[in-house]
Protein backbone atom coordinates (compact mmCIF):
# COMPACT_ATOMS: atom_id res chain seq x y z
CA ALA A 1 1.50 147.15 -157.21
CA LEU A 2 -1.30 147.31 -160.28
CA GLU A 3 -2.08 144.11 -161.78
CA VAL A 4 -1.44 143.74 -165.33
CA PRO A 5 -5.34 144.28 -166.92
CA ASP A 6 -5.39 147.30 -165.06
CA PHE A 7 -2.20 148.79 -165.95
CA LYS A 8 -3.05 147.97 -169.25
CA ASN A 9 -6.25 149.87 -168.94
CA ALA A 10 -4.70 152.72 -167.24
CA LEU A 11 -2.29 153.08 -169.89
CA LYS A 12 -5.41 153.13 -172.31
CA GLN A 13 -6.68 156.01 -169.85
CA PHE A 14 -3.39 158.21 -169.63
CA GLN A 15 -3.27 158.05 -173.73
CA LYS A 16 -6.97 159.29 -173.78
CA LEU A 17 -5.74 162.14 -171.25
CA VAL A 18 -2.83 162.85 -173.38
CA GLU A 19 -5.02 163.10 -176.98
CA LYS A 20 -7.33 165.50 -175.04
CA THR A 21 -4.60 167.52 -174.00
CA VAL A 22 -3.19 167.85 -177.36
CA THR A 23 -6.52 168.77 -178.98
CA GLN A 24 -7.17 171.57 -176.20
CA LYS A 25 -3.70 173.07 -176.99
CA THR A 26 -4.64 172.70 -180.48
CA LYS A 27 -7.77 174.94 -180.02
CA GLU A 28 -6.12 177.52 -177.71
CA ARG A 29 -3.53 177.98 -180.51
CA LEU A 30 -6.30 178.79 -183.00
CA GLY A 31 -8.24 180.86 -180.50
CA LEU A 32 -11.17 178.66 -180.25
CA TYR A 33 -13.42 178.81 -176.78
CA ILE A 34 -12.85 175.94 -174.24
CA GLU A 35 -15.54 175.36 -171.54
CA ASP A 36 -14.14 175.41 -168.04
CA ASP A 37 -15.20 171.67 -166.89
CA ASP A 38 -13.13 170.04 -170.30
CA GLU A 39 -10.18 172.55 -169.60
CA ILE A 40 -6.87 170.52 -168.65
CA ASP A 41 -4.27 172.56 -166.71
CA TYR A 42 -1.30 170.88 -165.11
CA ASP A 43 -2.85 170.28 -161.82
CA LYS A 44 -5.64 168.33 -163.57
CA PHE A 45 -3.48 166.44 -165.75
CA TYR A 46 -0.92 165.84 -162.89
CA THR A 47 -4.14 164.44 -160.87
CA THR A 48 -5.23 162.48 -163.06
CA THR A 49 -1.94 160.72 -163.66
CA GLN A 50 -0.97 160.18 -159.99
CA THR A 51 -4.38 158.26 -159.94
CA LEU A 52 -3.93 155.67 -162.87
CA PHE A 53 -0.50 155.12 -161.92
CA GLY A 54 -0.09 155.79 -158.02
CA PRO A 55 2.77 156.92 -156.12
CA GLU A 56 5.47 155.48 -158.63
CA VAL A 57 4.98 158.96 -160.35
CA LYS A 58 7.17 161.73 -159.59
CA ASP A 59 6.01 165.18 -159.72
CA HIS A 60 8.71 166.19 -162.04
CA ASN A 61 8.82 163.53 -164.69
CA VAL A 62 5.04 164.34 -165.29
CA LYS A 63 5.95 167.81 -165.45
CA ALA A 64 8.61 167.38 -168.05
CA PHE A 65 6.09 165.36 -169.71
CA PHE A 66 3.34 167.88 -169.60
CA ARG A 67 5.47 171.18 -170.87
CA LYS A 68 7.04 169.02 -173.56
CA ILE A 69 3.47 168.04 -175.38
CA SER A 70 2.37 171.77 -174.51
CA ASN A 71 5.39 173.19 -176.25
CA ASN A 72 5.34 170.87 -179.27
CA LEU A 73 2.08 169.37 -180.45
CA ASP A 74 3.50 166.84 -182.78
CA THR A 75 6.28 165.36 -180.66
CA ARG A 76 6.71 162.17 -180.26
CA THR A 77 5.68 160.91 -176.84
CA GLU A 78 6.09 157.46 -174.59
CA TRP A 79 4.03 156.81 -171.31
CA CYS A 80 7.05 155.54 -169.60
CA GLU A 81 8.24 158.79 -169.68
CA ILE A 82 6.14 159.80 -166.96
CA PHE A 83 8.17 157.44 -164.64
CA GLY A 84 11.60 159.01 -165.76
CA TYR A 85 12.22 156.21 -168.54
CA PHE A 86 12.80 156.90 -172.02
CA ILE A 87 12.36 154.61 -175.23
CA GLY A 88 16.11 153.88 -176.84
CA GLU A 89 15.96 154.23 -180.48
CA SER A 90 18.03 156.55 -181.50
CA ASP A 91 15.72 158.43 -183.85
CA ALA A 92 13.70 158.63 -180.72
CA LEU A 93 16.40 160.03 -178.77
CA SER A 94 17.60 162.45 -181.16
CA SER A 95 13.92 163.87 -181.74
CA GLN A 96 14.08 163.98 -177.97
CA LEU A 97 17.10 166.13 -178.01
CA LYS A 98 15.67 168.58 -180.59
CA GLU A 99 13.02 169.72 -177.81
CA GLU A 100 13.32 173.48 -176.79
CA ASN A 101 13.17 171.70 -172.98
CA MET A 102 15.31 169.20 -172.86
CA VAL A 103 15.27 166.34 -170.45
CA PHE A 104 18.94 164.87 -169.43
CA LEU A 105 19.18 161.14 -169.61
CA VAL A 106 21.29 159.37 -166.53
CA SER A 107 21.83 155.54 -168.39
CA GLU A 108 23.59 154.33 -165.19
CA LYS A 109 24.08 155.61 -161.40
CA GLN A 110 25.89 154.01 -158.86
CA GLN A 111 26.08 154.63 -154.90
CA ILE A 112 29.72 154.67 -153.51
CA THR A 113 30.04 154.37 -150.12
CA HIS A 114 33.06 155.00 -147.88
CA ALA A 115 33.94 153.08 -144.22
CA VAL A 116 35.82 156.52 -142.98
CA VAL A 117 33.52 158.97 -144.18
CA LYS A 118 31.19 159.60 -141.04
CA ARG A 119 27.46 158.82 -141.43
CA GLN A 120 26.72 162.88 -140.79
CA ASP A 121 29.28 163.91 -143.48
CA VAL A 122 28.80 165.38 -146.96
CA ILE A 123 30.83 165.60 -150.31
CA LYS A 124 31.98 169.26 -150.63
CA GLY A 125 34.27 168.78 -153.90
CA ILE A 126 35.18 166.62 -156.40
CA VAL A 127 37.87 166.58 -158.83
CA LYS A 128 38.31 164.13 -161.64
CA VAL A 129 42.34 164.22 -162.79
CA PRO A 130 41.98 163.02 -166.44
CA HIS A 131 45.63 161.78 -167.41
CA LEU A 132 46.08 159.54 -164.18
CA ASP A 133 42.50 158.11 -164.39
CA PHE A 134 41.07 158.77 -161.20
CA THR A 135 38.79 161.10 -158.95
CA VAL A 136 39.61 163.11 -156.06
CA THR A 137 36.64 163.60 -153.11
CA SER A 138 36.78 165.90 -150.17
CA SER A 139 34.37 165.62 -147.39
CA GLN A 140 33.08 168.27 -145.19
CA LYS A 141 34.66 166.83 -141.68
CA GLY A 142 37.76 166.56 -143.19
CA VAL A 143 38.41 162.90 -145.74
CA LEU A 144 40.21 163.27 -148.46
CA THR A 145 39.57 160.20 -150.74
CA ILE A 146 40.82 158.66 -154.56
CA PHE A 147 38.69 156.89 -156.41
CA ASN A 148 39.93 154.82 -159.15
CA ASN A 149 38.35 154.06 -162.54
CA GLN A 150 36.81 151.37 -161.12
CA ARG A 151 35.09 153.72 -158.95
CA LYS A 152 37.07 152.04 -155.85
CA SER A 153 38.61 153.93 -153.00
CA PHE A 154 42.45 152.97 -153.38
CA CYS A 155 43.82 155.87 -151.19
CA SER A 156 42.35 157.99 -148.07
CA CYS A 157 43.54 160.42 -145.73
CA PRO A 158 41.01 161.23 -142.66
CA PHE A 159 42.26 164.82 -141.81
CA TYR A 160 39.82 164.89 -138.53
CA PHE A 161 41.93 162.50 -136.79
CA HIS A 162 44.81 165.30 -136.59
CA GLN A 163 41.89 167.43 -134.60
CA ASP A 164 41.61 169.59 -137.58
CA THR A 165 38.12 170.68 -136.87
CA ALA A 166 37.80 173.21 -139.19
CA TRP A 167 35.37 172.18 -142.25
CA ILE A 168 37.11 171.39 -145.59
CA THR A 169 35.20 173.45 -148.21
CA GLY A 170 37.21 172.60 -151.41
CA CYS A 171 40.09 170.42 -153.22
CA ASP A 172 41.91 170.10 -155.93
CA PHE A 173 44.98 168.03 -157.70
CA LEU A 174 48.37 169.86 -158.34
CA PRO A 175 49.50 168.07 -161.47
CA ARG A 176 53.60 169.44 -160.51
CA LEU A 177 54.25 167.89 -157.32
CA LYS A 178 50.95 165.35 -158.00
CA CYS A 179 49.81 166.24 -154.93
CA VAL A 180 46.26 167.11 -153.38
CA VAL A 181 45.32 170.70 -152.33
CA ALA A 182 42.62 171.37 -150.04
CA VAL A 183 41.41 174.16 -147.97
CA THR A 184 39.12 174.55 -144.67
CA GLU A 185 38.29 177.58 -143.26
CA ARG A 186 41.85 178.94 -142.52
CA THR A 187 44.21 176.53 -143.64
CA VAL A 188 45.65 175.13 -146.78
CA ILE A 189 46.04 171.37 -146.73
CA VAL A 190 48.68 169.61 -149.17
CA TRP A 191 48.63 165.63 -149.32
CA ASP A 192 51.14 163.25 -150.63
CA TYR A 193 48.61 160.41 -151.32
CA LYS A 194 51.96 158.30 -152.89
CA SER A 195 53.90 157.97 -149.53
CA LYS A 196 51.43 155.11 -148.14
CA GLY A 197 51.76 154.02 -144.30
CA SER A 198 52.68 157.24 -143.00
CA GLN A 199 50.96 160.54 -141.99
CA ASN A 200 54.17 162.54 -142.63
CA ASN A 201 52.73 163.25 -146.23
CA CYS A 202 50.13 165.61 -144.86
CA PHE A 203 50.89 168.95 -144.98
CA THR A 204 48.91 172.34 -143.29
CA ILE A 205 49.97 175.74 -144.36
CA ARG A 206 48.51 178.51 -141.80
CA PRO A 207 47.51 180.70 -140.33
CA MET A 208 45.57 181.97 -143.57
CA GLU A 209 43.96 185.58 -143.53
CA ASN A 210 39.89 185.30 -143.87
CA GLY A 211 37.69 181.87 -144.56
CA LEU A 212 38.95 180.07 -147.17
CA LEU A 213 35.82 178.99 -149.61
CA CYS A 214 37.49 177.72 -152.76
CA VAL A 215 40.31 176.29 -154.58
CA CYS A 216 41.80 175.56 -158.08
CA THR A 217 44.87 174.73 -159.48
CA VAL A 218 46.41 176.97 -161.98
CA THR A 219 48.04 174.53 -165.03
CA MET A 220 51.02 176.34 -166.76
CA SER A 221 53.59 174.39 -168.69
CA ASP A 222 56.63 177.03 -167.85
CA TYR A 223 57.39 175.22 -164.55
CA LEU A 224 58.20 171.51 -163.61
CA ALA A 225 58.52 171.42 -160.21
CA LYS A 226 56.24 174.43 -159.22
CA ASP A 227 52.20 174.47 -158.66
CA ASN A 228 50.28 177.90 -158.48
CA ILE A 229 47.00 177.55 -156.61
CA LEU A 230 44.09 180.25 -156.68
CA ILE A 231 42.29 180.66 -153.53
CA GLY A 232 38.84 182.48 -153.12
CA ASP A 233 38.09 184.00 -149.37
CA ASP A 234 34.99 184.90 -147.60
CA LYS A 235 36.29 188.89 -147.68
CA GLY A 236 35.88 189.22 -151.50
CA TYR A 237 40.01 188.26 -151.86
CA VAL A 238 41.73 186.07 -154.17
CA HIS A 239 44.89 184.45 -153.29
CA LEU A 240 47.39 183.05 -155.97
CA LEU A 241 50.07 180.68 -153.65
CA THR A 242 53.19 179.24 -155.09
CA VAL A 243 54.26 175.98 -153.91
CA THR A 244 57.72 173.97 -154.90
CA SER A 245 58.50 170.58 -153.90
CA ASP A 246 61.06 172.03 -151.82
CA HIS A 247 58.49 173.44 -149.57
CA PHE A 248 57.19 170.01 -148.71
CA GLY A 249 60.75 167.80 -149.38
CA LEU A 250 62.67 169.90 -146.75
CA LYS A 251 60.16 169.80 -143.84
CA GLN A 252 60.70 166.09 -143.20
CA CYS A 253 61.83 166.11 -139.66
CA LYS A 254 62.99 162.94 -138.66
CA GLY A 255 62.36 163.56 -134.84
CA LYS A 256 58.95 163.88 -135.36
CA LYS A 257 56.24 161.04 -134.93
CA GLU A 258 54.76 159.20 -138.25
CA SER A 259 50.92 160.56 -137.09
CA GLN A 260 51.79 164.00 -136.45
CA LEU A 261 50.31 166.65 -138.93
CA GLN A 262 53.31 169.11 -140.42
CA VAL A 263 52.62 172.64 -140.08
CA LEU A 264 54.18 174.77 -141.94
CA ASP A 265 54.41 178.68 -142.09
CA SER A 266 52.43 180.58 -144.28
CA LYS A 267 55.13 183.45 -144.16
CA THR A 268 57.78 181.25 -146.03
CA PHE A 269 55.55 181.02 -149.17
CA ASN A 270 55.03 183.23 -151.89
CA ILE A 271 51.09 184.37 -151.92
CA VAL A 272 49.72 187.32 -153.99
CA LYS A 273 46.48 188.62 -152.60
CA ARG A 274 44.21 190.43 -154.76
CA LYS A 275 40.35 191.85 -153.32
CA LEU A 276 38.66 191.68 -156.49
CA HIS A 277 34.90 191.30 -155.09
CA ASP A 278 32.85 192.81 -151.95
CA ASP A 279 31.32 189.47 -150.96
CA TRP A 280 32.04 185.86 -151.02
CA VAL A 281 34.11 184.44 -153.26
CA VAL A 282 32.37 181.23 -154.30
CA LYS A 283 34.04 179.75 -157.19
CA VAL A 284 37.99 180.20 -158.95
CA LYS A 285 38.68 178.42 -161.73
CA TYR A 286 41.97 178.60 -164.18
CA ILE A 287 40.50 178.42 -167.88
CA SER A 288 43.76 176.59 -169.44
CA ASP A 289 42.35 177.32 -173.16
CA LEU A 290 42.10 180.96 -172.72
CA ASN A 291 45.24 181.29 -170.39
CA CYS A 292 42.79 182.99 -167.96
CA PHE A 293 41.27 182.79 -164.71
CA GLY A 294 37.82 183.06 -163.39
CA SER A 295 36.15 184.37 -160.11
CA CYS A 296 32.91 185.06 -158.78
CA SER A 297 30.87 186.26 -156.43
CA SER A 298 26.92 186.83 -155.25
CA ASP A 299 28.18 190.41 -155.20
CA SER A 300 26.25 192.54 -158.13
CA ILE A 301 28.80 195.16 -158.83
CA HIS A 302 31.90 192.81 -159.07
CA SER A 303 30.17 189.96 -159.53
CA PHE A 304 32.47 187.74 -162.13
CA VAL A 305 36.24 188.46 -162.79
CA LEU A 306 38.15 187.13 -165.87
CA ASP A 307 41.83 187.93 -167.34
CA ASP A 308 45.26 186.92 -167.37
CA ILE A 309 46.85 185.61 -164.50
CA LYS A 310 49.73 187.90 -165.09
CA ARG A 311 47.65 190.64 -164.45
CA LEU A 312 46.80 189.11 -160.97
CA GLU A 313 50.23 189.11 -160.18
CA ASP A 314 51.43 192.17 -161.16
CA ASN A 315 48.68 194.02 -159.35
CA LEU A 316 47.13 195.32 -162.60
CA PRO A 317 43.70 195.85 -163.36
CA VAL A 318 41.16 193.54 -164.19
CA LYS A 319 38.58 192.54 -166.53
CA GLU A 320 35.06 192.33 -164.50
CA PHE A 321 31.33 192.17 -165.45
CA SER A 322 28.53 193.20 -163.21
CA VAL A 323 25.89 190.77 -162.97
CA PRO A 324 22.45 191.78 -161.14
CA ARG A 325 22.06 189.50 -157.84
CA GLY A 326 25.78 187.90 -158.63
CA VAL A 327 27.56 184.96 -160.09
CA ASN A 328 27.39 181.61 -158.07
CA ALA A 329 28.76 179.42 -160.58
CA PHE A 330 30.45 179.73 -164.41
CA ALA A 331 31.89 176.89 -167.03
CA TYR A 332 33.58 177.42 -170.10
CA CYS A 333 32.82 175.19 -173.36
CA GLY A 334 36.03 174.86 -175.89
CA LYS A 335 33.85 173.56 -178.60
CA ALA A 336 31.46 176.07 -178.38
CA LYS A 337 34.10 179.15 -177.30
CA VAL A 338 31.22 180.11 -174.42
CA ILE A 339 31.85 181.03 -170.76
CA VAL A 340 28.13 180.50 -169.30
CA THR A 341 27.41 181.89 -165.76
CA GLY A 342 24.66 180.78 -163.34
CA GLY A 343 23.24 183.46 -160.68
């Protein structure tokens, strides 16, 4: 660690470096000649900063700082920004948010661990359930967990205990049935988390054609005891699966052991299947504000589909958009009325 006098000296040297960089950028904009020995590029700026402050300085923070002073020569800067921290005055923050290249600030972060999740496991899905004030997570190797608003898990279901070794690829919450839905490579899982102390509340719907990659719930207000589920697979198909309370309430067999997972035949469910893409469907989402569903793929021709859910059900042509090299993610902002895609 640097001693305090050395750190104060480093701050003075850093301020001189910033002033020299700003002066150089000003001359460049005016078209004035700069000698090569005096030129400060990013590599020289980063090397000098790291020499002054040591390994505590991270490359991405220095890069953001250098970009900031390069794009706006009059902007206000603080030395602490190269360590990833920012001053707290509202005026400084508001001016900072006006920068062309914005840095998103994280005020607080907390690591949440779970005893059931294996060390080599990873989280594949996180879904916020606002009206119940909790969060659902799914791990790749088969653990579904519900966290309350204090970030503590109050309910968990480890599916790998049931020898269902397929990886989970996504999850969501069914608002009508009040259950958690998740998909694996060939299976749809429905977990009634409210029935504690028993594993009879875990159902798998199989077999499903193709490899299931993503899932979401269709939130419609017409039926109280029915949920619609959208699923994307690795062959470009989007599935619309309808589930009701009868599917699960009438399947409770008294002769089965409590630890046994109940398997339901997929043929007993109403499933609409449409091929909308020529490659993997990497995300499906129902946008309730638009009463539309969206799906995207790395396919360049049929990259993004956005249309009414009824057109999917009735096998009618849907609106699709072509984006070079495909679309990997999308989101809708109700305030701006804008859909953003990322490729």
